[in-house]
Protein backbone atom coordinates (compact mmCIF):
# COMPACT_ATOMS: atom_id res chain seq x y z
CA MET A 1 265.33 181.64 60.82
CA LYS A 2 267.45 181.44 57.68
CA ASP A 3 266.75 183.13 54.34
CA LEU A 4 266.98 180.48 51.61
CA GLY A 5 266.39 182.93 48.78
CA GLU A 6 263.69 182.68 46.14
CA ALA A 7 261.68 179.46 46.03
CA ASP A 8 262.59 177.08 43.21
CA ILE A 9 260.36 174.06 43.91
CA ILE A 10 257.18 174.07 45.99
CA LEU A 11 255.01 170.94 46.45
CA ASN A 12 256.82 169.17 43.58
CA MET A 13 256.09 172.09 41.25
CA LYS A 14 259.06 173.89 39.75
CA LEU A 15 258.64 177.65 39.49
CA LEU A 16 259.99 179.14 36.27
CA ARG A 17 260.13 182.90 36.49
CA GLU A 18 259.66 184.84 33.27
CA GLU A 19 261.95 187.77 32.62
CA GLY A 20 260.36 191.13 32.06
CA ASN A 21 256.71 190.57 32.94
CA GLY A 22 257.30 188.88 36.31
CA GLY A 23 255.14 185.88 35.43
CA VAL A 24 255.61 182.41 36.86
CA THR A 25 255.11 179.09 35.08
CA LEU A 26 254.51 175.89 37.07
CA VAL A 27 256.25 172.77 35.73
CA GLN A 28 256.16 169.23 37.11
CA SER A 29 258.34 167.41 34.59
CA HIS A 30 260.83 166.53 37.33
CA TYR A 31 257.99 165.02 39.40
CA VAL A 32 256.73 163.04 36.40
CA GLU A 33 260.24 161.66 35.85
CA LYS A 34 260.45 160.74 39.55
CA VAL A 35 257.08 158.93 39.43
CA LEU A 36 258.01 157.07 36.22
CA SER A 37 261.30 155.98 37.74
CA CYS A 38 259.67 154.93 41.03
CA PHE A 39 257.15 152.66 39.31
CA GLY A 40 259.54 151.27 36.68
CA TYR A 41 258.24 153.18 33.67
CA SER A 42 261.41 155.16 32.91
CA ASP A 43 261.62 153.72 29.40
CA CYS A 44 258.22 155.10 28.37
CA VAL A 45 257.74 157.28 25.34
CA PRO A 46 255.32 160.22 25.71
CA THR A 47 252.06 159.99 23.80
CA PRO A 48 250.21 162.94 22.28
CA THR A 49 247.00 161.88 24.02
CA PRO A 50 246.85 160.02 27.36
CA TYR A 51 243.74 158.02 26.45
CA ASP A 52 243.36 155.23 23.90
CA PRO A 53 239.63 154.92 23.05
CA SER A 54 240.18 151.47 21.53
CA VAL A 55 240.99 150.05 24.99
CA ILE A 56 237.81 148.94 26.76
CA LEU A 57 238.22 148.28 30.46
CA ARG A 58 235.76 145.90 32.09
CA GLU A 59 235.16 144.64 35.58
CA ASN A 60 237.68 142.05 36.69
CA HIS A 61 236.27 138.59 37.52
CA ARG A 62 239.63 136.89 38.01
CA ILE A 63 242.28 137.12 40.70
CA SER A 64 242.95 140.73 41.65
CA ARG A 65 246.40 142.17 40.94
CA ASP A 66 248.63 144.28 43.20
CA GLN A 67 246.02 146.75 44.44
CA LEU A 68 248.42 148.76 46.64
CA ARG A 69 250.86 149.50 43.82
CA TYR A 70 248.03 150.37 41.41
CA SER A 71 246.55 152.73 44.02
CA GLN A 72 249.93 154.40 44.47
CA ILE A 73 250.21 154.98 40.71
CA ILE A 74 246.66 156.33 40.56
CA GLY A 75 247.36 158.62 43.53
CA SER A 76 250.47 160.04 41.85
CA LEU A 77 248.50 160.64 38.66
CA MET A 78 245.66 162.28 40.62
CA TYR A 79 248.14 164.73 42.13
CA LEU A 80 249.41 165.60 38.65
CA ALA A 81 245.87 165.96 37.28
CA SER A 82 244.83 168.28 40.09
CA THR A 83 247.88 170.55 39.84
CA THR A 84 249.48 170.97 36.41
CA ARG A 85 248.16 168.17 34.18
CA PRO A 86 244.36 168.45 33.85
CA ASP A 87 244.71 166.87 30.39
CA ILE A 88 245.09 163.43 31.98
CA SER A 89 241.91 163.70 34.07
CA PHE A 90 239.63 161.85 31.64
CA ALA A 91 242.01 158.90 31.20
CA LEU A 92 242.55 158.84 34.96
CA SER A 93 238.80 158.73 35.61
CA LYS A 94 238.65 155.54 33.51
CA LEU A 95 241.41 153.90 35.56
CA ILE A 96 240.09 154.98 38.98
CA ARG A 97 236.93 152.92 38.52
CA PHE A 98 238.90 149.70 38.97
CA VAL A 99 241.10 150.50 41.99
CA SER A 100 239.32 148.00 44.23
CA ASN A 101 239.28 145.10 41.75
CA LEU A 102 241.82 145.36 38.99
CA GLY A 103 243.11 142.82 36.51
CA ASP A 104 245.79 142.53 33.84
CA SER A 105 244.02 144.83 31.36
CA HIS A 106 243.94 147.63 33.94
CA TRP A 107 247.67 147.31 34.57
CA GLU A 108 248.39 147.37 30.86
CA SER A 109 246.42 150.60 30.43
CA THR A 110 248.50 152.40 33.07
CA HIS A 111 251.70 151.61 31.16
CA CYS A 112 253.26 154.71 29.65
CA GLN A 113 250.25 157.01 29.82
CA ILE A 114 251.94 159.90 31.63
């Protein structure tokens, strides 16, 4: 067994140790950047709130879009929401409703919401 020293990243969460009080802050900005890059959203600009109440998502009655890719995005966002980004949970709950039958409006609402 080899001693690798103090842990820096665990489960895609970076550990920032605070001097003096021994506290630890969990940060996932590197994971967010990785997810954005993976799904082609690297050029996104952060928004102060992840939910736009003017966007109304409805059931899709047309041809379904790429369900696998949408599910992968939703899964990545769910991991963030359950670990260090609970602020995106409400917006995510709106998007999750359409995983099985999504259309163009659902894709547009995932764009740059992280």
